[in-house]
Amino acid sequence: MKVNFILYVGDQAKSRDFYAAALGLAPRLDVPGMTEFELAPGCVLGLMPEKGIKRLLPAMPDPVAGAGIPRAEVYLTVPEPGASHARALAAGARELSPLEPRGWGDKAAYSLDPDGHVLAFAAPL
């Protein structure tokens, strides 16, 4: 099974640059209308311009109307969540919560990407 998670973004190039810096990864695909980062074998994070999804699903509400409203969370379990969180902040994320132990058994840090999606970096306690 292959899993793709796609975030709708206002500016594909800006979001590509942010996620490349935050994830420390180069995109595996970067063409007009879609950028993809392979997070793990068979697991891809995609970035699609909001205008693209509006063309595909014209009867649905326009995602532009949700700008600034958290619409999704990307929760990534990584070896060094503090370092990953710091990269995201340096790339332009806004911190929501620093790295700290969470009640579900992880230590996690939270931020917002430039489009308002919640981005978490975590590791088991």
PDB file of N, CA and C in Angstrom:
ATOM      1  N   MET A   1       0.835  -1.167   0.000  1.00  0.00           N
ATOM      2  CA  MET A   1       0.000   0.000   0.000  1.00  0.00           C
ATOM      3  C   MET A   1       0.890   1.244   0.000  1.00  0.00           C
ATOM      4  N   LYS A   2       0.499   2.211  -0.766  1.00  0.00           N
ATOM      5  CA  LYS A   2       1.158   3.511  -0.790  1.00  0.00           C
ATOM      6  C   LYS A   2       0.182   4.514  -0.196  1.00  0.00           C
ATOM      7  N   VAL A   3       0.688   5.424   0.636  1.00  0.00           N
ATOM      8  CA  VAL A   3      -0.157   6.422   1.278  1.00  0.00           C
ATOM      9  C   VAL A   3       0.340   7.809   0.901  1.00  0.00           C
ATOM     10  N   ASN A   4      -0.563   8.638   0.384  1.00  0.00           N
ATOM     11  CA  ASN A   4      -0.256  10.031   0.078  1.00  0.00           C
ATOM     12  C   ASN A   4      -1.136  10.925   0.931  1.00  0.00           C
ATOM     13  N   PHE A   5      -0.520  11.860   1.621  1.00  0.00           N
ATOM     14  CA  PHE A   5      -1.229  12.909   2.346  1.00  0.00           C
ATOM     15  C   PHE A   5      -0.964  14.196   1.586  1.00  0.00           C
ATOM     16  N   ILE A   6      -2.010  14.932   1.250  1.00  0.00           N
ATOM     17  CA  ILE A   6      -1.845  16.131   0.436  1.00  0.00           C
ATOM     18  C   ILE A   6      -2.389  17.333   1.195  1.00  0.00           C
ATOM     19  N   LEU A   7      -1.533  18.336   1.343  1.00  0.00           N
ATOM     20  CA  LEU A   7      -1.930  19.598   1.957  1.00  0.00           C
ATOM     21  C   LEU A   7      -2.204  20.602   0.848  1.00  0.00           C
ATOM     22  N   TYR A   8      -3.255  21.379   0.996  1.00  0.00           N
ATOM     23  CA  TYR A   8      -3.570  22.442   0.050  1.00  0.00           C
ATOM     24  C   TYR A   8      -2.853  23.696   0.520  1.00  0.00           C
ATOM     25  N   VAL A   9      -2.073  24.301  -0.374  1.00  0.00           N
ATOM     26  CA  VAL A   9      -1.205  25.417   0.000  1.00  0.00           C
ATOM     27  C   VAL A   9      -1.469  26.630  -0.891  1.00  0.00           C
ATOM     28  N   GLY A  10      -1.213  27.800  -0.347  1.00  0.00           N
ATOM     29  CA  GLY A  10      -1.424  29.033  -1.094  1.00  0.00           C
ATOM     30  C   GLY A  10      -0.357  29.281  -2.136  1.00  0.00           C
ATOM     31  N   ASP A  11       0.888  28.952  -1.833  1.00  0.00           N
ATOM     32  CA  ASP A  11       2.018  29.202  -2.732  1.00  0.00           C
ATOM     33  C   ASP A  11       2.883  27.946  -2.750  1.00  0.00           C
ATOM     34  N   GLN A  12       2.797  27.199  -3.827  1.00  0.00           N
ATOM     35  CA  GLN A  12       3.488  25.909  -3.907  1.00  0.00           C
ATOM     36  C   GLN A  12       4.993  26.058  -3.717  1.00  0.00           C
ATOM     37  N   ALA A  13       5.617  27.032  -4.357  1.00  0.00           N
ATOM     38  CA  ALA A  13       7.074  27.198  -4.253  1.00  0.00           C
ATOM     39  C   ALA A  13       7.483  27.550  -2.823  1.00  0.00           C
ATOM     40  N   LYS A  14       6.738  28.441  -2.199  1.00  0.00           N
ATOM     41  CA  LYS A  14       7.039  28.829  -0.813  1.00  0.00           C
ATOM     42  C   LYS A  14       6.887  27.631   0.120  1.00  0.00           C
ATOM     43  N   SER A  15       5.827  26.860  -0.059  1.00  0.00           N
ATOM     44  CA  SER A  15       5.613  25.674   0.776  1.00  0.00           C
ATOM     45  C   SER A  15       6.659  24.606   0.496  1.00  0.00           C
ATOM     46  N   ARG A  16       7.041  24.436  -0.770  1.00  0.00           N
ATOM     47  CA  ARG A  16       8.108  23.475  -1.111  1.00  0.00           C
ATOM     48  C   ARG A  16       9.387  23.842  -0.374  1.00  0.00           C
ATOM     49  N   ASP A  17       9.765  25.118  -0.434  1.00  0.00           N
ATOM     50  CA  ASP A  17      10.999  25.553   0.219  1.00  0.00           C
ATOM     51  C   ASP A  17      10.910  25.378   1.739  1.00  0.00           C
ATOM     52  N   PHE A  18       9.743  25.699   2.303  1.00  0.00           N
ATOM     53  CA  PHE A  18       9.561  25.519   3.747  1.00  0.00           C
ATOM     54  C   PHE A  18       9.728  24.056   4.128  1.00  0.00           C
ATOM     55  N   TYR A  19       9.002  23.146   3.465  1.00  0.00           N
ATOM     56  CA  TYR A  19       9.061  21.728   3.850  1.00  0.00           C
ATOM     57  C   TYR A  19      10.415  21.112   3.536  1.00  0.00           C
ATOM     58  N   ALA A  20      11.092  21.534   2.496  1.00  0.00           N
ATOM     59  CA  ALA A  20      12.440  21.032   2.225  1.00  0.00           C
ATOM     60  C   ALA A  20      13.365  21.381   3.387  1.00  0.00           C
ATOM     61  N   ALA A  21      13.272  22.617   3.868  1.00  0.00           N
ATOM     62  CA  ALA A  21      14.107  23.045   4.996  1.00  0.00           C
ATOM     63  C   ALA A  21      13.661  22.376   6.290  1.00  0.00           C
ATOM     64  N   ALA A  22      12.369  22.346   6.558  1.00  0.00           N
ATOM     65  CA  ALA A  22      11.856  21.794   7.811  1.00  0.00           C
ATOM     66  C   ALA A  22      12.109  20.293   7.924  1.00  0.00           C
ATOM     67  N   LEU A  23      11.950  19.577   6.822  1.00  0.00           N
ATOM     68  CA  LEU A  23      12.122  18.125   6.832  1.00  0.00           C
ATOM     69  C   LEU A  23      13.559  17.695   6.574  1.00  0.00           C
ATOM     70  N   GLY A  24      14.361  18.606   6.040  1.00  0.00           N
ATOM     71  CA  GLY A  24      15.723  18.236   5.661  1.00  0.00           C
ATOM     72  C   GLY A  24      15.727  17.271   4.496  1.00  0.00           C
ATOM     73  N   LEU A  25      14.717  17.401   3.612  1.00  0.00           N
ATOM     74  CA  LEU A  25      14.569  16.508   2.456  1.00  0.00           C
ATOM     75  C   LEU A  25      14.398  17.315   1.177  1.00  0.00           C
ATOM     76  N   ALA A  26      14.886  16.777   0.100  1.00  0.00           N
ATOM     77  CA  ALA A  26      14.583  17.350  -1.215  1.00  0.00           C
ATOM     78  C   ALA A  26      13.286  16.714  -1.711  1.00  0.00           C
ATOM     79  N   PRO A  27      12.473  17.457  -2.450  1.00  0.00           N
ATOM     80  CA  PRO A  27      11.261  16.843  -2.995  1.00  0.00           C
ATOM     81  C   PRO A  27      11.613  15.727  -3.968  1.00  0.00           C
ATOM     82  N   ARG A  28      10.796  14.694  -3.976  1.00  0.00           N
ATOM     83  CA  ARG A  28      11.011  13.632  -4.968  1.00  0.00           C
ATOM     84  C   ARG A  28      10.312  13.975  -6.278  1.00  0.00           C
ATOM     85  N   LEU A  29       9.339  14.891  -6.205  1.00  0.00           N
ATOM     86  CA  LEU A  29       8.613  15.376  -7.377  1.00  0.00           C
ATOM     87  C   LEU A  29       8.311  16.847  -7.131  1.00  0.00           C
ATOM     88  N   ASP A  30       8.538  17.671  -8.151  1.00  0.00           N
ATOM     89  CA  ASP A  30       8.214  19.092  -8.037  1.00  0.00           C
ATOM     90  C   ASP A  30       7.854  19.598  -9.419  1.00  0.00           C
ATOM     91  N   VAL A  31       6.570  19.564  -9.719  1.00  0.00           N
ATOM     92  CA  VAL A  31       6.053  20.007 -11.017  1.00  0.00           C
ATOM     93  C   VAL A  31       4.907  20.974 -10.750  1.00  0.00           C
ATOM     94  N   PRO A  32       4.542  21.790 -11.720  1.00  0.00           N
ATOM     95  CA  PRO A  32       3.405  22.681 -11.495  1.00  0.00           C
ATOM     96  C   PRO A  32       2.169  21.877 -11.052  1.00  0.00           C
ATOM     97  N   GLY A  33       1.641  22.238  -9.900  1.00  0.00           N
ATOM     98  CA  GLY A  33       0.447  21.569  -9.388  1.00  0.00           C
ATOM     99  C   GLY A  33       0.701  20.533  -8.322  1.00  0.00           C
ATOM    100  N   MET A  34       1.956  20.080  -8.120  1.00  0.00           N
ATOM    101  CA  MET A  34       2.216  19.076  -7.086  1.00  0.00           C
ATOM    102  C   MET A  34       3.701  19.008  -6.745  1.00  0.00           C
ATOM    103  N   THR A  35       3.969  19.026  -5.450  1.00  0.00           N
ATOM    104  CA  THR A  35       5.297  18.746  -4.911  1.00  0.00           C
ATOM    105  C   THR A  35       5.118  17.582  -3.950  1.00  0.00           C
ATOM    106  N   GLU A  36       6.051  16.628  -3.986  1.00  0.00           N
ATOM    107  CA  GLU A  36       5.959  15.459  -3.111  1.00  0.00           C
ATOM    108  C   GLU A  36       7.266  15.237  -2.371  1.00  0.00           C
ATOM    109  N   PHE A  37       7.140  14.889  -1.095  1.00  0.00           N
ATOM    110  CA  PHE A  37       8.268  14.487  -0.260  1.00  0.00           C
ATOM    111  C   PHE A  37       8.007  13.058   0.213  1.00  0.00           C
ATOM    112  N   GLU A  38       8.963  12.167  -0.016  1.00  0.00           N
ATOM    113  CA  GLU A  38       8.816  10.805   0.481  1.00  0.00           C
ATOM    114  C   GLU A  38       9.277  10.773   1.934  1.00  0.00           C
ATOM    115  N   LEU A  39       8.322  10.596   2.855  1.00  0.00           N
ATOM    116  CA  LEU A  39       8.619  10.599   4.282  1.00  0.00           C
ATOM    117  C   LEU A  39       9.162   9.256   4.760  1.00  0.00           C
ATOM    118  N   ALA A  40       8.708   8.192   4.133  1.00  0.00           N
ATOM    119  CA  ALA A  40       9.128   6.821   4.425  1.00  0.00           C
ATOM    120  C   ALA A  40       8.726   6.002   3.206  1.00  0.00           C
ATOM    121  N   PRO A  41       9.261   4.808   3.057  1.00  0.00           N
ATOM    122  CA  PRO A  41       8.839   4.012   1.903  1.00  0.00           C
ATOM    123  C   PRO A  41       7.315   3.879   1.856  1.00  0.00           C
ATOM    124  N   GLY A  42       6.740   4.310   0.750  1.00  0.00           N
ATOM    125  CA  GLY A  42       5.300   4.206   0.559  1.00  0.00           C
ATOM    126  C   GLY A  42       4.476   5.286   1.227  1.00  0.00           C
ATOM    127  N   CYS A  43       5.120   6.283   1.843  1.00  0.00           N
ATOM    128  CA  CYS A  43       4.404   7.364   2.531  1.00  0.00           C
ATOM    129  C   CYS A  43       4.893   8.710   2.007  1.00  0.00           C
ATOM    130  N   VAL A  44       3.984   9.447   1.383  1.00  0.00           N
ATOM    131  CA  VAL A  44       4.336  10.685   0.699  1.00  0.00           C
ATOM    132  C   VAL A  44       3.511  11.847   1.233  1.00  0.00           C
ATOM    133  N   LEU A  45       4.183  12.976   1.466  1.00  0.00           N
ATOM    134  CA  LEU A  45       3.509  14.230   1.788  1.00  0.00           C
ATOM    135  C   LEU A  45       3.491  15.066   0.516  1.00  0.00           C
ATOM    136  N   GLY A  46       2.289  15.410   0.062  1.00  0.00           N
ATOM    137  CA  GLY A  46       2.144  16.213  -1.145  1.00  0.00           C
ATOM    138  C   GLY A  46       1.696  17.623  -0.817  1.00  0.00           C
ATOM    139  N   LEU A  47       2.081  18.547  -1.672  1.00  0.00           N
ATOM    140  CA  LEU A  47       1.677  19.948  -1.563  1.00  0.00           C
ATOM    141  C   LEU A  47       0.995  20.334  -2.864  1.00  0.00           C
ATOM    142  N   MET A  48      -0.292  20.678  -2.795  1.00  0.00           N
ATOM    143  CA  MET A  48      -1.060  21.047  -3.987  1.00  0.00           C
ATOM    144  C   MET A  48      -1.569  22.473  -3.817  1.00  0.00           C
ATOM    145  N   PRO A  49      -1.393  23.310  -4.835  1.00  0.00           N
ATOM    146  CA  PRO A  49      -1.947  24.658  -4.743  1.00  0.00           C
ATOM    147  C   PRO A  49      -3.455  24.627  -4.535  1.00  0.00           C
ATOM    148  N   GLU A  50      -3.947  25.523  -3.684  1.00  0.00           N
ATOM    149  CA  GLU A  50      -5.383  25.602  -3.411  1.00  0.00           C
ATOM    150  C   GLU A  50      -6.183  25.763  -4.698  1.00  0.00           C
ATOM    151  N   LYS A  51      -5.649  26.495  -5.654  1.00  0.00           N
ATOM    152  CA  LYS A  51      -6.359  26.696  -6.922  1.00  0.00           C
ATOM    153  C   LYS A  51      -6.522  25.378  -7.676  1.00  0.00           C
ATOM    154  N   GLY A  52      -5.556  24.472  -7.515  1.00  0.00           N
ATOM    155  CA  GLY A  52      -5.631  23.185  -8.190  1.00  0.00           C
ATOM    156  C   GLY A  52      -6.758  22.323  -7.675  1.00  0.00           C
ATOM    157  N   ILE A  53      -6.924  22.284  -6.359  1.00  0.00           N
ATOM    158  CA  ILE A  53      -8.004  21.462  -5.816  1.00  0.00           C
ATOM    159  C   ILE A  53      -9.349  22.099  -6.127  1.00  0.00           C
ATOM    160  N   LYS A  54      -9.411  23.401  -6.202  1.00  0.00           N
ATOM    161  CA  LYS A  54     -10.660  24.086  -6.559  1.00  0.00           C
ATOM    162  C   LYS A  54     -11.078  23.694  -7.977  1.00  0.00           C
ATOM    163  N   ARG A  55     -10.108  23.558  -8.874  1.00  0.00           N
ATOM    164  CA  ARG A  55     -10.429  23.131 -10.250  1.00  0.00           C
ATOM    165  C   ARG A  55     -10.895  21.683 -10.276  1.00  0.00           C
ATOM    166  N   LEU A  56     -10.300  20.831  -9.440  1.00  0.00           N
ATOM    167  CA  LEU A  56     -10.681  19.418  -9.412  1.00  0.00           C
ATOM    168  C   LEU A  56     -12.047  19.201  -8.770  1.00  0.00           C
ATOM    169  N   LEU A  57     -12.365  20.007  -7.755  1.00  0.00           N
ATOM    170  CA  LEU A  57     -13.611  19.834  -6.995  1.00  0.00           C
ATOM    171  C   LEU A  57     -14.360  21.164  -6.940  1.00  0.00           C
ATOM    172  N   PRO A  58     -14.867  21.635  -8.065  1.00  0.00           N
ATOM    173  CA  PRO A  58     -15.467  22.975  -8.100  1.00  0.00           C
ATOM    174  C   PRO A  58     -16.703  23.143  -7.224  1.00  0.00           C
ATOM    175  N   ALA A  59     -17.410  22.071  -6.892  1.00  0.00           N
ATOM    176  CA  ALA A  59     -18.615  22.194  -6.077  1.00  0.00           C
ATOM    177  C   ALA A  59     -18.306  22.292  -4.577  1.00  0.00           C
ATOM    178  N   MET A  60     -17.075  22.010  -4.191  1.00  0.00           N
ATOM    179  CA  MET A  60     -16.683  22.050  -2.779  1.00  0.00           C
ATOM    180  C   MET A  60     -16.350  23.478  -2.363  1.00  0.00           C
ATOM    181  N   PRO A  61     -16.395  23.771  -1.064  1.00  0.00           N
ATOM    182  CA  PRO A  61     -15.984  25.102  -0.604  1.00  0.00           C
ATOM    183  C   PRO A  61     -14.542  25.393  -1.021  1.00  0.00           C
ATOM    184  N   ASP A  62     -14.282  26.644  -1.328  1.00  0.00           N
ATOM    185  CA  ASP A  62     -12.955  27.072  -1.759  1.00  0.00           C
ATOM    186  C   ASP A  62     -11.998  27.021  -0.567  1.00  0.00           C
ATOM    187  N   PRO A  63     -10.883  26.268  -0.662  1.00  0.00           N
ATOM    188  CA  PRO A  63      -9.954  26.189   0.466  1.00  0.00           C
ATOM    189  C   PRO A  63      -9.326  27.533   0.829  1.00  0.00           C
ATOM    190  N   VAL A  64      -9.307  28.475  -0.093  1.00  0.00           N
ATOM    191  CA  VAL A  64      -8.763  29.796   0.204  1.00  0.00           C
ATOM    192  C   VAL A  64      -9.535  30.433   1.361  1.00  0.00           C
ATOM    193  N   ALA A  65     -10.821  30.132   1.468  1.00  0.00           N
ATOM    194  CA  ALA A  65     -11.650  30.703   2.535  1.00  0.00           C
ATOM    195  C   ALA A  65     -11.195  30.214   3.917  1.00  0.00           C
ATOM    196  N   GLY A  66     -10.436  29.135   3.965  1.00  0.00           N
ATOM    197  CA  GLY A  66      -9.961  28.601   5.238  1.00  0.00           C
ATOM    198  C   GLY A  66      -8.551  29.041   5.590  1.00  0.00           C
ATOM    199  N   ALA A  67      -7.996  30.004   4.862  1.00  0.00           N
ATOM    200  CA  ALA A  67      -6.625  30.453   5.117  1.00  0.00           C
ATOM    201  C   ALA A  67      -6.478  30.883   6.575  1.00  0.00           C
ATOM    202  N   GLY A  68      -5.428  30.382   7.214  1.00  0.00           N
ATOM    203  CA  GLY A  68      -5.163  30.735   8.598  1.00  0.00           C
ATOM    204  C   GLY A  68      -5.886  29.867   9.608  1.00  0.00           C
ATOM    205  N   ILE A  69      -6.820  29.048   9.159  1.00  0.00           N
ATOM    206  CA  ILE A  69      -7.536  28.130  10.042  1.00  0.00           C
ATOM    207  C   ILE A  69      -6.833  26.775   9.954  1.00  0.00           C
ATOM    208  N   PRO A  70      -6.374  26.216  11.067  1.00  0.00           N
ATOM    209  CA  PRO A  70      -5.724  24.905  10.973  1.00  0.00           C
ATOM    210  C   PRO A  70      -6.668  23.883  10.336  1.00  0.00           C
ATOM    211  N   ARG A  71      -6.234  23.308   9.217  1.00  0.00           N
ATOM    212  CA  ARG A  71      -7.069  22.367   8.474  1.00  0.00           C
ATOM    213  C   ARG A  71      -6.551  20.948   8.557  1.00  0.00           C
ATOM    214  N   ALA A  72      -5.316  20.797   9.033  1.00  0.00           N
ATOM    215  CA  ALA A  72      -4.719  19.461   9.098  1.00  0.00           C
ATOM    216  C   ALA A  72      -3.538  19.503  10.057  1.00  0.00           C
ATOM    217  N   GLU A  73      -3.157  18.334  10.550  1.00  0.00           N
ATOM    218  CA  GLU A  73      -1.950  18.196  11.363  1.00  0.00           C
ATOM    219  C   GLU A  73      -1.076  17.132  10.740  1.00  0.00           C
ATOM    220  N   VAL A  74       0.194  17.442  10.610  1.00  0.00           N
ATOM    221  CA  VAL A  74       1.190  16.478  10.165  1.00  0.00           C
ATOM    222  C   VAL A  74       2.005  16.134  11.409  1.00  0.00           C
ATOM    223  N   TYR A  75       1.857  14.906  11.903  1.00  0.00           N
ATOM    224  CA  TYR A  75       2.524  14.451  13.123  1.00  0.00           C
ATOM    225  C   TYR A  75       3.596  13.459  12.704  1.00  0.00           C
ATOM    226  N   LEU A  76       4.848  13.862  12.859  1.00  0.00           N
ATOM    227  CA  LEU A  76       5.967  13.055  12.396  1.00  0.00           C
ATOM    228  C   LEU A  76       6.783  12.554  13.576  1.00  0.00           C
ATOM    229  N   THR A  77       6.956  11.249  13.657  1.00  0.00           N
ATOM    230  CA  THR A  77       7.833  10.655  14.654  1.00  0.00           C
ATOM    231  C   THR A  77       9.228  10.593  14.044  1.00  0.00           C
ATOM    232  N   VAL A  78      10.166  11.275  14.680  1.00  0.00           N
ATOM    233  CA  VAL A  78      11.518  11.426  14.150  1.00  0.00           C
ATOM    234  C   VAL A  78      12.532  11.143  15.256  1.00  0.00           C
ATOM    235  N   PRO A  79      13.780  10.845  14.888  1.00  0.00           N
ATOM    236  CA  PRO A  79      14.780  10.548  15.922  1.00  0.00           C
ATOM    237  C   PRO A  79      15.102  11.735  16.836  1.00  0.00           C
ATOM    238  N   GLU A  80      15.137  12.949  16.289  1.00  0.00           N
ATOM    239  CA  GLU A  80      15.505  14.147  17.052  1.00  0.00           C
ATOM    240  C   GLU A  80      14.440  15.221  16.888  1.00  0.00           C
ATOM    241  N   PRO A  81      13.325  15.128  17.610  1.00  0.00           N
ATOM    242  CA  PRO A  81      12.241  16.091  17.412  1.00  0.00           C
ATOM    243  C   PRO A  81      12.637  17.538  17.697  1.00  0.00           C
ATOM    244  N   GLY A  82      13.524  17.754  18.649  1.00  0.00           N
ATOM    245  CA  GLY A  82      13.957  19.124  18.944  1.00  0.00           C
ATOM    246  C   GLY A  82      14.678  19.754  17.772  1.00  0.00           C
ATOM    247  N   ALA A  83      15.559  18.996  17.137  1.00  0.00           N
ATOM    248  CA  ALA A  83      16.293  19.501  15.981  1.00  0.00           C
ATOM    249  C   ALA A  83      15.352  19.735  14.801  1.00  0.00           C
ATOM    250  N   SER A  84      14.408  18.830  14.593  1.00  0.00           N
ATOM    251  CA  SER A  84      13.443  18.994  13.502  1.00  0.00           C
ATOM    252  C   SER A  84      12.566  20.218  13.740  1.00  0.00           C
ATOM    253  N   HIS A  85      12.116  20.396  14.980  1.00  0.00           N
ATOM    254  CA  HIS A  85      11.294  21.562  15.330  1.00  0.00           C
ATOM    255  C   HIS A  85      12.088  22.845  15.102  1.00  0.00           C
ATOM    256  N   ALA A  86      13.344  22.858  15.500  1.00  0.00           N
ATOM    257  CA  ALA A  86      14.199  24.039  15.299  1.00  0.00           C
ATOM    258  C   ALA A  86      14.352  24.353  13.817  1.00  0.00           C
ATOM    259  N   ARG A  87      14.514  23.325  12.973  1.00  0.00           N
ATOM    260  CA  ARG A  87      14.607  23.554  11.516  1.00  0.00           C
ATOM    261  C   ARG A  87      13.336  24.190  10.996  1.00  0.00           C
ATOM    262  N   ALA A  88      12.172  23.681  11.467  1.00  0.00           N
ATOM    263  CA  ALA A  88      10.898  24.240  11.017  1.00  0.00           C
ATOM    264  C   ALA A  88      10.775  25.703  11.425  1.00  0.00           C
ATOM    265  N   LEU A  89      11.150  26.023  12.659  1.00  0.00           N
ATOM    266  CA  LEU A  89      11.078  27.411  13.114  1.00  0.00           C
ATOM    267  C   LEU A  89      12.019  28.296  12.309  1.00  0.00           C
ATOM    268  N   ALA A  90      13.218  27.807  12.032  1.00  0.00           N
ATOM    269  CA  ALA A  90      14.178  28.580  11.234  1.00  0.00           C
ATOM    270  C   ALA A  90      13.674  28.793   9.812  1.00  0.00           C
ATOM    271  N   ALA A  91      12.856  27.860   9.315  1.00  0.00           N
ATOM    272  CA  ALA A  91      12.322  27.966   7.951  1.00  0.00           C
ATOM    273  C   ALA A  91      11.089  28.863   7.884  1.00  0.00           C
ATOM    274  N   GLY A  92      10.587  29.302   9.047  1.00  0.00           N
ATOM    275  CA  GLY A  92       9.450  30.216   9.033  1.00  0.00           C
ATOM    276  C   GLY A  92       8.198  29.734   9.732  1.00  0.00           C
ATOM    277  N   ALA A  93       8.247  28.572  10.378  1.00  0.00           N
ATOM    278  CA  ALA A  93       7.081  28.105  11.137  1.00  0.00           C
ATOM    279  C   ALA A  93       6.893  28.985  12.369  1.00  0.00           C
ATOM    280  N   ARG A  94       5.672  29.004  12.877  1.00  0.00           N
ATOM    281  CA  ARG A  94       5.360  29.717  14.115  1.00  0.00           C
ATOM    282  C   ARG A  94       5.174  28.689  15.219  1.00  0.00           C
ATOM    283  N   GLU A  95       5.896  28.843  16.305  1.00  0.00           N
ATOM    284  CA  GLU A  95       5.818  27.868  17.391  1.00  0.00           C
ATOM    285  C   GLU A  95       4.470  27.935  18.095  1.00  0.00           C
ATOM    286  N   LEU A  96       3.886  26.768  18.291  1.00  0.00           N
ATOM    287  CA  LEU A  96       2.667  26.633  19.076  1.00  0.00           C
ATOM    288  C   LEU A  96       2.980  26.121  20.479  1.00  0.00           C
ATOM    289  N   SER A  97       3.909  25.152  20.554  1.00  0.00           N
ATOM    290  CA  SER A  97       4.263  24.543  21.832  1.00  0.00           C
ATOM    291  C   SER A  97       5.661  23.950  21.715  1.00  0.00           C
ATOM    292  N   PRO A  98       6.541  24.231  22.675  1.00  0.00           N
ATOM    293  CA  PRO A  98       7.893  23.672  22.608  1.00  0.00           C
ATOM    294  C   PRO A  98       7.890  22.166  22.860  1.00  0.00           C
ATOM    295  N   LEU A  99       9.024  21.567  22.654  1.00  0.00           N
ATOM    296  CA  LEU A  99       9.194  20.133  22.896  1.00  0.00           C
ATOM    297  C   LEU A  99       8.997  19.853  24.383  1.00  0.00           C
ATOM    298  N   GLU A 100       8.050  18.981  24.665  1.00  0.00           N
ATOM    299  CA  GLU A 100       7.809  18.582  26.051  1.00  0.00           C
ATOM    300  C   GLU A 100       7.103  17.240  26.077  1.00  0.00           C
ATOM    301  N   PRO A 101       7.162  16.544  27.215  1.00  0.00           N
ATOM    302  CA  PRO A 101       6.476  15.260  27.338  1.00  0.00           C
ATOM    303  C   PRO A 101       4.959  15.444  27.188  1.00  0.00           C
ATOM    304  N   ARG A 102       4.334  14.499  26.507  1.00  0.00           N
ATOM    305  CA  ARG A 102       2.883  14.533  26.309  1.00  0.00           C
ATOM    306  C   ARG A 102       2.271  13.325  27.005  1.00  0.00           C
ATOM    307  N   GLY A 103       1.005  13.427  27.350  1.00  0.00           N
ATOM    308  CA  GLY A 103       0.315  12.394  28.106  1.00  0.00           C
ATOM    309  C   GLY A 103       0.149  11.073  27.380  1.00  0.00           C
ATOM    310  N   TRP A 104       0.350  11.032  26.068  1.00  0.00           N
ATOM    311  CA  TRP A 104       0.165   9.791  25.318  1.00  0.00           C
ATOM    312  C   TRP A 104       1.468   9.029  25.130  1.00  0.00           C
ATOM    313  N   GLY A 105       2.566   9.493  25.794  1.00  0.00           N
ATOM    314  CA  GLY A 105       3.807   8.730  25.768  1.00  0.00           C
ATOM    315  C   GLY A 105       4.863   9.221  24.810  1.00  0.00           C
ATOM    316  N   ASP A 106       4.646  10.355  24.178  1.00  0.00           N
ATOM    317  CA  ASP A 106       5.641  10.964  23.298  1.00  0.00           C
ATOM    318  C   ASP A 106       6.115  12.272  23.905  1.00  0.00           C
ATOM    319  N   LYS A 107       7.294  12.700  23.467  1.00  0.00           N
ATOM    320  CA  LYS A 107       7.674  14.096  23.640  1.00  0.00           C
ATOM    321  C   LYS A 107       7.453  14.716  22.263  1.00  0.00           C
ATOM    322  N   ALA A 108       6.819  15.878  22.218  1.00  0.00           N
ATOM    323  CA  ALA A 108       6.451  16.468  20.937  1.00  0.00           C
ATOM    324  C   ALA A 108       6.522  17.985  21.004  1.00  0.00           C
ATOM    325  N   ALA A 109       6.837  18.578  19.865  1.00  0.00           N
ATOM    326  CA  ALA A 109       6.836  20.029  19.691  1.00  0.00           C
ATOM    327  C   ALA A 109       5.894  20.350  18.542  1.00  0.00           C
ATOM    328  N   TYR A 110       5.175  21.470  18.669  1.00  0.00           N
ATOM    329  CA  TYR A 110       4.165  21.853  17.681  1.00  0.00           C
ATOM    330  C   TYR A 110       4.445  23.230  17.113  1.00  0.00           C
ATOM    331  N   SER A 111       4.185  23.362  15.806  1.00  0.00           N
ATOM    332  CA  SER A 111       4.292  24.658  15.142  1.00  0.00           C
ATOM    333  C   SER A 111       3.231  24.738  14.050  1.00  0.00           C
ATOM    334  N   LEU A 112       3.141  25.919  13.427  1.00  0.00           N
ATOM    335  CA  LEU A 112       2.265  26.128  12.271  1.00  0.00           C
ATOM    336  C   LEU A 112       3.126  26.378  11.050  1.00  0.00           C
ATOM    337  N   ASP A 113       2.815  25.710   9.951  1.00  0.00           N
ATOM    338  CA  ASP A 113       3.518  25.986   8.704  1.00  0.00           C
ATOM    339  C   ASP A 113       2.989  27.296   8.110  1.00  0.00           C
ATOM    340  N   PRO A 114       3.573  27.793   7.017  1.00  0.00           N
ATOM    341  CA  PRO A 114       3.133  29.075   6.456  1.00  0.00           C
ATOM    342  C   PRO A 114       1.662  29.117   6.033  1.00  0.00           C
ATOM    343  N   ASP A 115       1.042  27.958   5.807  1.00  0.00           N
ATOM    344  CA  ASP A 115      -0.366  27.919   5.416  1.00  0.00           C
ATOM    345  C   ASP A 115      -1.297  27.657   6.592  1.00  0.00           C
ATOM    346  N   GLY A 116      -0.752  27.540   7.786  1.00  0.00           N
ATOM    347  CA  GLY A 116      -1.581  27.327   8.964  1.00  0.00           C
ATOM    348  C   GLY A 116      -1.843  25.878   9.306  1.00  0.00           C
ATOM    349  N   HIS A 117      -1.150  24.937   8.656  1.00  0.00           N
ATOM    350  CA  HIS A 117      -1.274  23.525   9.027  1.00  0.00           C
ATOM    351  C   HIS A 117      -0.417  23.279  10.263  1.00  0.00           C
ATOM    352  N   VAL A 118      -0.929  22.475  11.184  1.00  0.00           N
ATOM    353  CA  VAL A 118      -0.161  22.138  12.384  1.00  0.00           C
ATOM    354  C   VAL A 118       0.898  21.113  12.009  1.00  0.00           C
ATOM    355  N   LEU A 119       2.123  21.362  12.460  1.00  0.00           N
ATOM    356  CA  LEU A 119       3.247  20.477  12.196  1.00  0.00           C
ATOM    357  C   LEU A 119       3.838  20.064  13.540  1.00  0.00           C
ATOM    358  N   ALA A 120       3.872  18.763  13.800  1.00  0.00           N
ATOM    359  CA  ALA A 120       4.403  18.243  15.057  1.00  0.00           C
ATOM    360  C   ALA A 120       5.565  17.314  14.766  1.00  0.00           C
ATOM    361  N   PHE A 121       6.591  17.433  15.596  1.00  0.00           N
ATOM    362  CA  PHE A 121       7.725  16.505  15.565  1.00  0.00           C
ATOM    363  C   PHE A 121       7.760  15.825  16.922  1.00  0.00           C
ATOM    364  N   ALA A 122       7.849  14.500  16.916  1.00  0.00           N
ATOM    365  CA  ALA A 122       7.725  13.742  18.163  1.00  0.00           C
ATOM    366  C   ALA A 122       8.665  12.557  18.188  1.00  0.00           C
ATOM    367  N   ALA A 123       8.862  12.032  19.393  1.00  0.00           N
ATOM    368  CA  ALA A 123       9.607  10.786  19.620  1.00  0.00           C
ATOM    369  C   ALA A 123       9.031  10.149  20.875  1.00  0.00           C
ATOM    370  N   PRO A 124       9.081   8.825  20.961  1.00  0.00           N
ATOM    371  CA  PRO A 124       8.618   8.169  22.183  1.00  0.00           C
ATOM    372  C   PRO A 124       9.444   8.614  23.376  1.00  0.00           C
ATOM    373  N   LEU A 125       8.804   8.698  24.540  1.00  0.00           N
ATOM    374  CA  LEU A 125       9.525   9.049  25.767  1.00  0.00           C
ATOM    375  C   LEU A 125      10.470   7.933  26.171  1.00  0.00           C
TER     376      LEU A 125
END
